[in-house]
Amino acid sequence: MSEENKNVRTSARKVREGVVVSDKMDKTVVVAVESRVKHPLYGKVMTKTARYKAHDENNECHVGDRVRIMETRPLAATKNWRVLEIVEKAK
């Protein structure tokens, strides 16, 4: 490895936690991640929901599970996340 490559840092991959809202696809789940944002002008705190398609290699996740997902390389046209772990199974 050359001296130049040792000093290059890669950015940390984003990690999110959310709830599985769909598991109808093969090896893919849709995870809804909620975040609270404050309106810049009026100051009202609102809940914003982002839906991410995440890769689930073994089809372990089901609707209602709380999961942790991590950003990764593009795996499909709209799938850039993968499931790290299931934090809590659905009841």
Protein backbone atom coordinates (compact mmCIF):
# COMPACT_ATOMS: atom_id res chain seq x y z
CA MET A 1 0.00 0.00 0.00
CA SER A 2 1.46 3.35 -0.95
CA GLU A 3 1.88 6.24 1.46
CA GLU A 4 -0.93 8.22 -0.22
CA ASN A 5 -3.57 5.55 0.31
CA LYS A 6 -2.92 5.23 4.05
CA ASN A 7 -4.01 8.82 4.72
CA VAL A 8 -7.26 8.61 2.75
CA ARG A 9 -10.28 8.28 5.02
CA THR A 10 -13.62 6.87 4.03
CA SER A 11 -16.69 8.50 5.50
CA ALA A 12 -18.59 6.61 8.16
CA ARG A 13 -21.64 4.84 6.80
CA LYS A 14 -24.99 6.06 8.04
CA VAL A 15 -26.90 3.86 10.46
CA ARG A 16 -30.65 4.23 11.06
CA GLU A 17 -33.21 2.43 13.21
CA GLY A 18 -36.80 1.93 12.13
CA VAL A 19 -39.78 -0.37 11.79
CA VAL A 20 -40.36 -2.83 8.93
CA VAL A 21 -43.56 -1.82 7.12
CA SER A 22 -43.38 -4.24 4.17
CA ASP A 23 -41.71 -7.61 3.58
CA LYS A 24 -43.50 -8.68 0.39
CA MET A 25 -40.37 -8.60 -1.80
CA ASP A 26 -37.74 -11.33 -1.93
CA LYS A 27 -34.65 -10.41 0.14
CA THR A 28 -35.91 -6.82 0.52
CA VAL A 29 -37.82 -5.04 3.28
CA VAL A 30 -39.16 -1.50 3.50
CA VAL A 31 -38.12 0.24 6.72
CA ALA A 32 -39.88 3.38 7.97
CA VAL A 33 -37.56 5.68 9.92
CA GLU A 34 -39.17 8.51 11.89
CA SER A 35 -37.34 11.70 12.80
CA ARG A 36 -38.54 14.81 14.57
CA VAL A 37 -37.74 18.06 12.77
CA LYS A 38 -38.44 21.63 13.78
CA HIS A 39 -39.97 23.95 11.19
CA PRO A 40 -37.35 26.62 10.40
CA LEU A 41 -39.76 29.58 10.53
CA TYR A 42 -42.67 28.62 12.78
CA GLY A 43 -40.87 26.32 15.21
CA LYS A 44 -43.48 23.55 15.19
CA VAL A 45 -41.97 20.12 15.80
CA MET A 46 -43.16 17.65 13.17
CA THR A 47 -42.58 13.94 12.65
CA LYS A 48 -41.01 13.14 9.30
CA THR A 49 -41.09 9.56 8.01
CA ALA A 50 -38.53 8.31 5.51
CA ARG A 51 -38.97 4.89 3.88
CA TYR A 52 -35.84 2.97 2.91
CA LYS A 53 -35.61 -0.28 0.95
CA ALA A 54 -33.10 -2.51 2.73
CA HIS A 55 -31.46 -5.80 1.76
CA ASP A 56 -32.47 -8.76 3.96
CA GLU A 57 -30.38 -11.70 2.73
CA ASN A 58 -32.12 -14.47 4.70
CA ASN A 59 -35.68 -13.06 4.70
CA GLU A 60 -35.58 -12.91 8.52
CA CYS A 61 -37.46 -9.62 8.98
CA HIS A 62 -41.24 -9.38 9.17
CA VAL A 63 -43.72 -6.51 9.42
CA GLY A 64 -43.52 -4.79 12.81
CA ASP A 65 -39.91 -5.73 13.58
CA ARG A 66 -37.64 -2.94 14.81
CA VAL A 67 -34.39 -3.16 12.82
CA ARG A 68 -31.09 -1.33 12.45
CA ILE A 69 -30.03 -0.61 8.84
CA MET A 70 -26.75 0.64 7.39
CA GLU A 71 -26.02 2.50 4.17
CA THR A 72 -24.17 0.45 1.55
CA ARG A 73 -23.34 0.45 -2.15
CA PRO A 74 -26.29 0.43 -4.56
CA LEU A 75 -27.75 -3.09 -4.62
CA ALA A 76 -30.61 -2.21 -6.98
CA ALA A 77 -32.11 0.90 -8.55
CA THR A 78 -33.68 2.03 -5.26
CA LYS A 79 -31.96 -0.19 -2.67
CA ASN A 80 -28.92 1.36 -0.94
CA TRP A 81 -29.33 0.00 2.61
CA ARG A 82 -28.90 -3.39 4.29
CA VAL A 83 -30.23 -4.82 7.53
CA LEU A 84 -27.59 -4.98 10.27
CA GLU A 85 -29.66 -6.57 13.01
CA ILE A 86 -33.14 -7.10 14.32
CA VAL A 87 -33.39 -5.03 17.49
CA GLU A 88 -36.85 -6.24 18.53
CA LYS A 89 -39.19 -8.81 17.00
CA ALA A 90 -42.84 -7.92 16.40
CA LYS A 91 -45.30 -9.08 19.03
